[in-house]
C-alpha atoms as a PDB file:
ATOM      1  CA  MET A   1      12.025  -9.638  39.101  1.00  0.00           C
ATOM      2  CA  LYS A   2      14.088 -10.634  36.069  1.00  0.00           C
ATOM      3  CA  ILE A   3      10.989 -12.157  34.465  1.00  0.00           C
ATOM      4  CA  LEU A   4       9.036  -8.913  35.005  1.00  0.00           C
ATOM      5  CA  ALA A   5      11.887  -6.923  33.482  1.00  0.00           C
ATOM      6  CA  ASN A   6      11.898  -9.148  30.413  1.00  0.00           C
ATOM      7  CA  ILE A   7       8.130  -8.757  30.053  1.00  0.00           C
ATOM      8  CA  ALA A   8       8.409  -4.974  30.338  1.00  0.00           C
ATOM      9  CA  LEU A   9      11.180  -4.909  27.743  1.00  0.00           C
ATOM     10  CA  THR A  10       9.095  -7.020  25.377  1.00  0.00           C
ATOM     11  CA  LEU A  11       6.065  -4.750  25.784  1.00  0.00           C
ATOM     12  CA  PHE A  12       8.188  -1.644  25.279  1.00  0.00           C
ATOM     13  CA  THR A  13       9.720  -3.075  22.110  1.00  0.00           C
ATOM     14  CA  PHE A  14       6.298  -4.013  20.769  1.00  0.00           C
ATOM     15  CA  ALA A  15       4.879  -0.553  21.546  1.00  0.00           C
ATOM     16  CA  PHE A  16       7.843   1.091  19.854  1.00  0.00           C
ATOM     17  CA  PHE A  17       7.257  -1.091  16.806  1.00  0.00           C
ATOM     18  CA  LEU A  18       3.589  -0.071  16.686  1.00  0.00           C
ATOM     19  CA  LEU A  19       4.501   3.609  16.911  1.00  0.00           C
ATOM     20  CA  GLY A  20       6.940   3.169  14.049  1.00  0.00           C
ATOM     21  CA  GLU A  21       4.332   1.393  11.968  1.00  0.00           C
ATOM     22  CA  SER A  22       1.824   4.171  12.701  1.00  0.00           C
ATOM     23  CA  ALA A  23       4.266   6.879  11.619  1.00  0.00           C
ATOM     24  CA  MET A  24       5.087   4.984   8.436  1.00  0.00           C
ATOM     25  CA  GLY A  25       1.404   4.607   7.662  1.00  0.00           C
ATOM     26  CA  GLN A  26       0.707   8.312   8.197  1.00  0.00           C
ATOM     27  CA  SER A  27       3.718   9.480   6.189  1.00  0.00           C
ATOM     28  CA  SER A  28       2.810   7.159   3.314  1.00  0.00           C
ATOM     29  CA  SER A  29      -0.343   9.240   2.808  1.00  0.00           C
ATOM     30  CA  LEU A  30       1.952  12.108   1.770  1.00  0.00           C
ATOM     31  CA  VAL A  31       3.342  10.214  -1.191  1.00  0.00           C
ATOM     32  CA  GLY A  32       2.163  11.488  -4.559  1.00  0.00           C
ATOM     33  CA  ASP A  33       1.846  14.684  -6.570  1.00  0.00           C
ATOM     34  CA  TRP A  34       0.536  17.918  -5.079  1.00  0.00           C
ATOM     35  CA  SER A  35      -0.438  20.953  -7.174  1.00  0.00           C
ATOM     36  CA  GLY A  36      -1.099  24.560  -6.239  1.00  0.00           C
ATOM     37  CA  GLU A  37       0.516  27.960  -5.939  1.00  0.00           C
ATOM     38  CA  SER A  38       3.578  29.545  -4.358  1.00  0.00           C
ATOM     39  CA  ILE A  39       2.976  33.265  -3.741  1.00  0.00           C
ATOM     40  CA  CYS A  40       5.610  35.934  -3.038  1.00  0.00           C
ATOM     41  CA  VAL A  41       5.237  37.945   0.156  1.00  0.00           C
ATOM     42  CA  GLY A  42       6.610  41.506   0.361  1.00  0.00           C
ATOM     43  CA  GLU A  43       9.178  43.089  -1.924  1.00  0.00           C
ATOM     44  CA  ILE A  44      12.017  40.624  -2.402  1.00  0.00           C
ATOM     45  CA  GLY A  45      13.548  41.485  -5.729  1.00  0.00           C
ATOM     46  CA  ALA A  46      13.084  39.005  -8.551  1.00  0.00           C
ATOM     47  CA  CYS A  47      10.500  36.818  -6.771  1.00  0.00           C
ATOM     48  CA  HIS A  48       7.574  35.698  -8.939  1.00  0.00           C
ATOM     49  CA  ASP A  49       4.308  33.992  -8.081  1.00  0.00           C
ATOM     50  CA  GLU A  50       4.354  30.421  -9.368  1.00  0.00           C
ATOM     51  CA  GLN A  51       2.076  27.531 -10.145  1.00  0.00           C
ATOM     52  CA  VAL A  52       3.847  24.512  -8.662  1.00  0.00           C
ATOM     53  CA  VAL A  53       3.722  20.732  -8.615  1.00  0.00           C
ATOM     54  CA  TYR A  54       5.356  18.956  -5.666  1.00  0.00           C
ATOM     55  CA  HIS A  55       6.362  15.301  -6.112  1.00  0.00           C
ATOM     56  CA  VAL A  56       6.432  13.914  -2.556  1.00  0.00           C
ATOM     57  CA  SER A  57       8.284  10.745  -1.539  1.00  0.00           C
ATOM     58  CA  VAL A  58       9.149   9.152   1.820  1.00  0.00           C
ATOM     59  CA  ASP A  59      12.365   7.376   2.784  1.00  0.00           C
ATOM     60  CA  GLY A  60      11.649   3.640   2.897  1.00  0.00           C
ATOM     61  CA  THR A  61      13.744   3.160   6.052  1.00  0.00           C
ATOM     62  CA  ASP A  62      12.829   6.339   7.956  1.00  0.00           C
ATOM     63  CA  ALA A  63       9.228   7.558   7.853  1.00  0.00           C
ATOM     64  CA  THR A  64      10.240  11.003   9.134  1.00  0.00           C
ATOM     65  CA  ARG A  65      12.426  11.784   6.103  1.00  0.00           C
ATOM     66  CA  VAL A  66      10.427  13.330   3.268  1.00  0.00           C
ATOM     67  CA  LYS A  67      11.613  14.670  -0.076  1.00  0.00           C
ATOM     68  CA  ILE A  68       9.748  17.069  -2.338  1.00  0.00           C
ATOM     69  CA  GLY A  69      10.811  17.313  -5.956  1.00  0.00           C
ATOM     70  CA  ALA A  70       9.563  20.810  -6.828  1.00  0.00           C
ATOM     71  CA  ASP A  71       8.447  21.843 -10.319  1.00  0.00           C
ATOM     72  CA  LYS A  72       7.124  25.219 -11.422  1.00  0.00           C
ATOM     73  CA  ILE A  73       4.843  25.368 -14.435  1.00  0.00           C
ATOM     74  CA  VAL A  74       6.229  27.477 -17.283  1.00  0.00           C
ATOM     75  CA  ASP A  75       4.233  27.741 -20.527  1.00  0.00           C
ATOM     76  CA  GLY A  76       2.172  24.776 -19.412  1.00  0.00           C
ATOM     77  CA  LYS A  77       5.216  22.547 -18.869  1.00  0.00           C
ATOM     78  CA  PRO A  78       7.005  21.504 -15.646  1.00  0.00           C
ATOM     79  CA  ASP A  79      10.376  23.136 -14.949  1.00  0.00           C
ATOM     80  CA  PHE A  80      12.334  21.391 -12.181  1.00  0.00           C
ATOM     81  CA  MET A  81      13.503  23.791  -9.444  1.00  0.00           C
ATOM     82  CA  GLY A  82      15.165  21.353  -7.051  1.00  0.00           C
ATOM     83  CA  ASP A  83      14.614  19.018  -4.128  1.00  0.00           C
ATOM     84  CA  ILE A  84      13.346  20.057  -0.698  1.00  0.00           C
ATOM     85  CA  PHE A  85      14.356  17.782   2.191  1.00  0.00           C
ATOM     86  CA  LEU A  86      12.043  17.834   5.192  1.00  0.00           C
ATOM     87  CA  LYS A  87      11.414  16.151   8.530  1.00  0.00           C
ATOM     88  CA  TYR A  88       7.901  14.853   9.163  1.00  0.00           C
ATOM     89  CA  ASP A  89       6.276  15.157  12.596  1.00  0.00           C
ATOM     90  CA  ALA A  90       3.362  12.694  12.559  1.00  0.00           C
ATOM     91  CA  ALA A  91       1.986  13.891  15.892  1.00  0.00           C
ATOM     92  CA  ASN A  92       1.524  17.462  14.637  1.00  0.00           C
ATOM     93  CA  ASN A  93       1.186  16.755  10.895  1.00  0.00           C
ATOM     94  CA  THR A  94       4.001  19.154  10.089  1.00  0.00           C
ATOM     95  CA  LEU A  95       6.999  19.186   7.749  1.00  0.00           C
ATOM     96  CA  THR A  96      10.066  21.336   8.367  1.00  0.00           C
ATOM     97  CA  GLY A  97      13.417  21.717   6.629  1.00  0.00           C
ATOM     98  CA  ASN A  98      16.194  24.133   5.806  1.00  0.00           C
ATOM     99  CA  LEU A  99      16.847  25.911   2.527  1.00  0.00           C
ATOM    100  CA  GLU A 100      20.569  26.212   1.846  1.00  0.00           C
ATOM    101  CA  THR A 101      21.752  27.829  -1.382  1.00  0.00           C
ATOM    102  CA  PRO A 102      24.780  30.014  -2.233  1.00  0.00           C
ATOM    103  CA  ARG A 103      22.481  33.052  -2.337  1.00  0.00           C
ATOM    104  CA  SER A 104      20.051  32.496   0.515  1.00  0.00           C
ATOM    105  CA  HIS A 105      19.250  30.619   3.681  1.00  0.00           C
ATOM    106  CA  GLY A 106      15.773  29.859   4.907  1.00  0.00           C
ATOM    107  CA  VAL A 107      13.396  27.431   6.549  1.00  0.00           C
ATOM    108  CA  TRP A 108      10.427  25.591   5.060  1.00  0.00           C
ATOM    109  CA  GLU A 109       7.416  24.937   7.305  1.00  0.00           C
ATOM    110  CA  PHE A 110       4.336  23.031   6.140  1.00  0.00           C
ATOM    111  CA  THR A 111       1.144  21.760   7.749  1.00  0.00           C
ATOM    112  CA  VAL A 112      -0.746  18.821   6.261  1.00  0.00           C
ATOM    113  CA  LYS A 113      -4.448  18.145   6.714  1.00  0.00           C
ATOM    114  CA  GLY A 114      -6.028  15.466   4.566  1.00  0.00           C
ATOM    115  CA  ASN A 115      -5.381  16.305   0.925  1.00  0.00           C
ATOM    116  CA  MET A 116      -4.379  19.896   1.687  1.00  0.00           C
ATOM    117  CA  MET A 117      -0.892  21.195   2.459  1.00  0.00           C
ATOM    118  CA  TRP A 118       0.012  24.790   3.181  1.00  0.00           C
ATOM    119  CA  GLY A 119       3.171  26.432   4.406  1.00  0.00           C
ATOM    120  CA  THR A 120       5.763  29.150   4.225  1.00  0.00           C
ATOM    121  CA  LEU A 121       9.347  29.799   3.297  1.00  0.00           C
ATOM    122  CA  SER A 122      11.034  32.159   5.769  1.00  0.00           C
ATOM    123  CA  ARG A 123      14.333  33.919   5.113  1.00  0.00           C
ATOM    124  CA  LEU A 124      17.052  33.605   7.752  1.00  0.00           C
ATOM    125  CA  PRO A 125      18.371  35.013   9.988  1.00  0.00           C
ATOM    126  CA  GLU A 126      15.489  37.487  10.354  1.00  0.00           C
ATOM    127  CA  ARG A 127      12.922  34.702   9.826  1.00  0.00           C
ATOM    128  CA  LYS A 128      10.867  36.853   7.494  1.00  0.00           C
ATOM    129  CA  ILE A 129       8.196  35.058   5.462  1.00  0.00           C
ATOM    130  CA  VAL A 130       8.982  35.424   1.748  1.00  0.00           C
ATOM    131  CA  ARG A 131       6.668  32.795   0.262  1.00  0.00           C
ATOM    132  CA  GLN A 132       3.310  31.273   1.075  1.00  0.00           C
ATOM    133  CA  ILE A 133       2.469  27.889  -0.451  1.00  0.00           C
ATOM    134  CA  ARG A 134      -0.858  26.102  -0.753  1.00  0.00           C
ATOM    135  CA  VAL A 135      -1.140  22.806  -2.632  1.00  0.00           C
ATOM    136  CA  THR A 136      -3.719  20.036  -2.984  1.00  0.00           C
ATOM    137  CA  LYS A 137      -2.962  16.365  -3.477  1.00  0.00           C
ATOM    138  CA  ASN A 138      -3.728  15.150  -6.971  1.00  0.00           C
ATOM    139  CA  GLN A 139      -5.712  12.010  -7.654  1.00  0.00           C
ATOM    140  CA  SER A 140      -3.015   9.357  -7.777  1.00  0.00           C
ATOM    141  CA  THR A 141      -1.875   7.986 -11.111  1.00  0.00           C
ATOM    142  CA  ALA A 142      -2.707   4.535  -9.841  1.00  0.00           C
ATOM    143  CA  THR A 143      -6.267   5.577  -8.999  1.00  0.00           C
ATOM    144  CA  MET A 144      -6.748   7.281 -12.348  1.00  0.00           C
ATOM    145  CA  THR A 145      -5.361   4.468 -14.482  1.00  0.00           C
ATOM    146  CA  ALA A 146      -6.398   1.368 -12.543  1.00  0.00           C
ATOM    147  CA  MET A 147      -9.499  -0.220 -14.017  1.00  0.00           C
ATOM    148  CA  THR A 148     -11.635  -3.003 -12.629  1.00  0.00           C
ATOM    149  CA  ASN A 149     -11.327  -6.042 -14.878  1.00  0.00           C
ATOM    150  CA  HIS A 150     -12.802  -9.524 -14.858  1.00  0.00           C
ATOM    151  CA  ALA A 151     -10.903 -12.704 -15.680  1.00  0.00           C
ATOM    152  CA  THR A 152     -12.894 -15.924 -15.982  1.00  0.00           C
ATOM    153  CA  GLY A 153     -12.151 -19.559 -16.636  1.00  0.00           C
ATOM    154  CA  THR A 154     -11.650 -22.895 -14.908  1.00  0.00           C
ATOM    155  CA  PHE A 155      -9.077 -24.561 -12.688  1.00  0.00           C
ATOM    156  CA  GLU A 156      -8.195 -28.044 -11.491  1.00  0.00           C
ATOM    157  CA  VAL A 157      -7.026 -28.619  -7.941  1.00  0.00           C
ATOM    158  CA  LYS A 158      -5.207 -31.494  -6.227  1.00  0.00           C
ATOM    159  CA  LEU A 159      -5.343 -31.688  -2.417  1.00  0.00           C
ATOM    160  CA  THR A 160      -2.684 -33.602  -0.492  1.00  0.00           C
ATOM    161  CA  PRO A 161      -3.241 -34.289   3.273  1.00  0.00           C
ATOM    162  CA  GLN A 162      -0.044 -33.958   5.283  1.00  0.00           C
ATOM    163  CA  ASN A 163       1.456 -36.614   7.528  1.00  0.00           C
ATOM    164  CA  ASP A 164       1.772 -34.218  10.466  1.00  0.00           C
ATOM    165  CA  GLN A 165      -1.960 -34.443  11.177  1.00  0.00           C
ATOM    166  CA  PRO A 166      -2.700 -33.832  14.876  1.00  0.00           C
ATOM    167  CA  ALA A 167      -4.327 -36.495  17.014  1.00  0.00           C
ATOM    168  CA  ASP A 168      -7.430 -34.301  17.126  1.00  0.00           C
ATOM    169  CA  PRO A 169      -9.478 -35.320  14.041  1.00  0.00           C
ATOM    170  CA  SER A 170     -11.199 -31.916  13.931  1.00  0.00           C
ATOM    171  CA  LEU A 171      -7.950 -30.252  12.815  1.00  0.00           C
ATOM    172  CA  GLY A 172      -6.042 -30.814   9.605  1.00  0.00           C
ATOM    173  CA  ARG A 173      -3.445 -29.459   7.180  1.00  0.00           C
ATOM    174  CA  MET A 174      -3.196 -29.938   3.443  1.00  0.00           C
ATOM    175  CA  THR A 175      -1.100 -28.705   0.562  1.00  0.00           C
ATOM    176  CA  PHE A 176      -2.673 -28.099  -2.815  1.00  0.00           C
ATOM    177  CA  ASP A 177      -1.704 -27.545  -6.435  1.00  0.00           C
ATOM    178  CA  LYS A 178      -3.831 -25.757  -9.029  1.00  0.00           C
ATOM    179  CA  GLN A 179      -3.698 -25.517 -12.789  1.00  0.00           C
ATOM    180  CA  TRP A 180      -5.487 -22.500 -14.251  1.00  0.00           C
ATOM    181  CA  ALA A 181      -7.087 -22.157 -17.686  1.00  0.00           C
ATOM    182  CA  GLY A 182      -8.973 -19.364 -19.400  1.00  0.00           C
ATOM    183  CA  ASP A 183      -8.103 -15.684 -18.839  1.00  0.00           C
ATOM    184  CA  ILE A 184      -5.702 -16.839 -16.101  1.00  0.00           C
ATOM    185  CA  THR A 185      -3.041 -19.342 -17.124  1.00  0.00           C
ATOM    186  CA  GLY A 186      -0.411 -20.820 -14.860  1.00  0.00           C
ATOM    187  CA  ALA A 187      -0.093 -22.734 -11.617  1.00  0.00           C
ATOM    188  CA  SER A 188      -0.593 -22.218  -7.894  1.00  0.00           C
ATOM    189  CA  LYS A 189       0.813 -23.863  -4.816  1.00  0.00           C
ATOM    190  CA  GLY A 190      -0.636 -23.393  -1.354  1.00  0.00           C
ATOM    191  CA  GLN A 191      -1.246 -24.654   2.146  1.00  0.00           C
ATOM    192  CA  MET A 192      -4.550 -25.020   3.937  1.00  0.00           C
ATOM    193  CA  LEU A 193      -5.488 -25.364   7.616  1.00  0.00           C
ATOM    194  CA  THR A 194      -8.887 -26.883   8.360  1.00  0.00           C
ATOM    195  CA  GLY A 195     -11.037 -27.149  11.455  1.00  0.00           C
ATOM    196  CA  GLY A 196     -14.448 -28.563  12.351  1.00  0.00           C
ATOM    197  CA  ASP A 197     -16.489 -31.563  11.329  1.00  0.00           C
ATOM    198  CA  VAL A 198     -18.085 -31.494   7.890  1.00  0.00           C
ATOM    199  CA  LYS A 199     -20.438 -34.267   9.028  1.00  0.00           C
ATOM    200  CA  THR A 200     -22.250 -31.667  11.124  1.00  0.00           C
ATOM    201  CA  GLY A 201     -22.294 -29.190   8.256  1.00  0.00           C
ATOM    202  CA  SER A 202     -20.049 -26.735  10.094  1.00  0.00           C
ATOM    203  CA  ALA A 203     -16.330 -26.225   9.468  1.00  0.00           C
ATOM    204  CA  GLY A 204     -13.773 -23.662   8.396  1.00  0.00           C
ATOM    205  CA  TYR A 205     -10.470 -23.238   6.615  1.00  0.00           C
ATOM    206  CA  VAL A 206      -7.772 -20.666   5.959  1.00  0.00           C
ATOM    207  CA  ALA A 207      -5.187 -20.896   3.209  1.00  0.00           C
ATOM    208  CA  ILE A 208      -2.357 -19.065   1.486  1.00  0.00           C
ATOM    209  CA  GLU A 209      -1.838 -19.663  -2.229  1.00  0.00           C
ATOM    210  CA  LYS A 210       0.892 -18.326  -4.513  1.00  0.00           C
ATOM    211  CA  PHE A 211       0.016 -18.012  -8.183  1.00  0.00           C
ATOM    212  CA  THR A 212       2.605 -17.756 -10.972  1.00  0.00           C
ATOM    213  CA  GLY A 213       1.614 -17.230 -14.580  1.00  0.00           C
ATOM    214  CA  THR A 214      -0.371 -14.685 -16.594  1.00  0.00           C
ATOM    215  CA  VAL A 215      -3.604 -12.754 -16.106  1.00  0.00           C
ATOM    216  CA  LYS A 216      -4.976 -11.710 -19.488  1.00  0.00           C
ATOM    217  CA  GLY A 217      -1.443 -11.793 -20.888  1.00  0.00           C
ATOM    218  CA  ARG A 218       0.223  -9.913 -18.029  1.00  0.00           C
ATOM    219  CA  LYS A 219       3.018 -12.012 -16.535  1.00  0.00           C
ATOM    220  CA  GLY A 220       3.970 -12.252 -12.885  1.00  0.00           C
ATOM    221  CA  SER A 221       2.981 -13.705  -9.550  1.00  0.00           C
ATOM    222  CA  PHE A 222       0.903 -12.794  -6.512  1.00  0.00           C
ATOM    223  CA  ILE A 223      -0.592 -14.350  -3.391  1.00  0.00           C
ATOM    224  CA  PHE A 224      -4.216 -15.231  -2.602  1.00  0.00           C
ATOM    225  CA  GLN A 225      -5.506 -15.334   0.973  1.00  0.00           C
ATOM    226  CA  HIS A 226      -8.475 -17.651   1.668  1.00  0.00           C
ATOM    227  CA  SER A 227     -10.907 -17.528   4.585  1.00  0.00           C
ATOM    228  CA  ALA A 228     -13.964 -19.783   4.624  1.00  0.00           C
ATOM    229  CA  THR A 229     -16.633 -20.948   7.047  1.00  0.00           C
ATOM    230  CA  MET A 230     -19.581 -23.290   6.690  1.00  0.00           C
ATOM    231  CA  THR A 231     -22.463 -23.086   9.143  1.00  0.00           C
ATOM    232  CA  ALA A 232     -25.148 -25.767   8.982  1.00  0.00           C
ATOM    233  CA  GLY A 233     -24.291 -26.331   5.341  1.00  0.00           C
ATOM    234  CA  GLN A 234     -24.274 -22.624   4.374  1.00  0.00           C
ATOM    235  CA  GLY A 235     -20.864 -21.498   3.129  1.00  0.00           C
ATOM    236  CA  ASP A 236     -19.102 -18.136   3.195  1.00  0.00           C
ATOM    237  CA  LEU A 237     -15.824 -17.934   1.249  1.00  0.00           C
ATOM    238  CA  THR A 238     -13.581 -14.894   0.799  1.00  0.00           C
ATOM    239  CA  ILE A 239     -10.472 -14.984  -1.413  1.00  0.00           C
ATOM    240  CA  THR A 240      -8.495 -11.761  -1.846  1.00  0.00           C
ATOM    241  CA  VAL A 241      -5.105 -10.740  -3.186  1.00  0.00           C
ATOM    242  CA  VAL A 242      -2.556 -10.050  -0.452  1.00  0.00           C
ATOM    243  CA  PRO A 243      -1.598  -6.346  -0.718  1.00  0.00           C
ATOM    244  CA  ASN A 244       1.712  -5.612  -2.469  1.00  0.00           C
ATOM    245  CA  SER A 245       2.305  -9.287  -3.299  1.00  0.00           C
ATOM    246  CA  GLY A 246       2.260  -8.767  -7.077  1.00  0.00           C
ATOM    247  CA  THR A 247       5.453  -8.965  -9.143  1.00  0.00           C
ATOM    248  CA  GLU A 248       6.587  -8.029 -12.661  1.00  0.00           C
ATOM    249  CA  GLU A 249       3.632  -6.974 -14.846  1.00  0.00           C
ATOM    250  CA  LEU A 250       1.234  -7.809 -11.993  1.00  0.00           C
ATOM    251  CA  LYS A 251       2.914  -5.468  -9.509  1.00  0.00           C
ATOM    252  CA  GLY A 252       0.305  -3.542  -7.532  1.00  0.00           C
ATOM    253  CA  ILE A 253      -2.518  -5.925  -8.385  1.00  0.00           C
ATOM    254  CA  THR A 254      -5.575  -5.987  -6.106  1.00  0.00           C
ATOM    255  CA  GLY A 255      -8.711  -8.053  -6.350  1.00  0.00           C
ATOM    256  CA  LYS A 256     -11.016 -10.792  -5.143  1.00  0.00           C
ATOM    257  CA  LEU A 257     -11.768 -14.243  -6.500  1.00  0.00           C
ATOM    258  CA  THR A 258     -15.180 -15.904  -6.667  1.00  0.00           C
ATOM    259  CA  ILE A 259     -15.480 -19.666  -7.156  1.00  0.00           C
ATOM    260  CA  LYS A 260     -18.429 -21.873  -8.045  1.00  0.00           C
ATOM    261  CA  ILE A 261     -18.740 -25.524  -9.019  1.00  0.00           C
ATOM    262  CA  GLU A 262     -20.969 -26.543 -11.907  1.00  0.00           C
ATOM    263  CA  GLY A 263     -21.113 -29.973 -13.500  1.00  0.00           C
ATOM    264  CA  GLY A 264     -18.092 -31.064 -11.471  1.00  0.00           C
ATOM    265  CA  LYS A 265     -15.953 -28.183 -12.796  1.00  0.00           C
ATOM    266  CA  HIS A 266     -14.381 -25.387 -10.766  1.00  0.00           C
ATOM    267  CA  LEU A 267     -15.266 -22.026 -12.333  1.00  0.00           C
ATOM    268  CA  TYR A 268     -13.707 -18.731 -11.281  1.00  0.00           C
ATOM    269  CA  ASP A 269     -14.429 -15.037 -11.715  1.00  0.00           C
ATOM    270  CA  PHE A 270     -11.476 -12.828 -10.753  1.00  0.00           C
ATOM    271  CA  GLU A 271     -12.369  -9.153 -10.294  1.00  0.00           C
ATOM    272  CA  TYR A 272      -9.110  -7.210 -10.220  1.00  0.00           C
ATOM    273  CA  SER A 273      -7.299  -3.943 -10.851  1.00  0.00           C
ATOM    274  CA  VAL A 274      -3.709  -3.373 -11.999  1.00  0.00           C
ATOM    275  CA  PRO A 275      -2.070   0.084 -12.073  1.00  0.00           C
END
């Protein structure tokens, strides 16, 4: 019975973790700039229709806590109005929060669907709608500014088999060191796990490699992930940048690496984007 209870607790904890990860993933789609209009409803004194830009961010430790930095556009320039603090309901795709100022009290209510967000501001205590808002998510700055680039050159690699090799000869582990030249300069260190028998022409490997140096003059580090198989002598190799592994001037880097060997030299072509 105790064992079953422990299993149930483990499954519950894992499910709770997955739900949290799902909420974080959904709320992250809110992050960015949203533009549109905020329209007055009824006769409420000095209210004016506004063109607005909402800068949306999500709390890094709580995916349900969302902040909107609200600008109105005056003479073509943003004029900051204040922050709106909201609670995100991932199940219903809604955002709600209170407006508390010395002059008024109200409640914000938004619904999000894809790249559209619409909502209202209601005055309390009568809960009368005084504003209607409709905004559309802008193309992200990263998407607009990131360009696909190519870096080419050569590298030298040194493989070192490890002493903890298993008794099974079809499995192995190695560390490796690389020195890069060309558009990429610097060094890499990594570990590789291998399986299969190359004598039959079929084998596979996975590896993680951390690069530190420069890519076309931009300094930083990031991590490559390798996955390769060989079937009857035909190879299939995929090397990609691990998401969010970039640092310094390479922060946000994405890309894939292609390798070929000619005349005993390792040649690379790195197709990448940096915000």
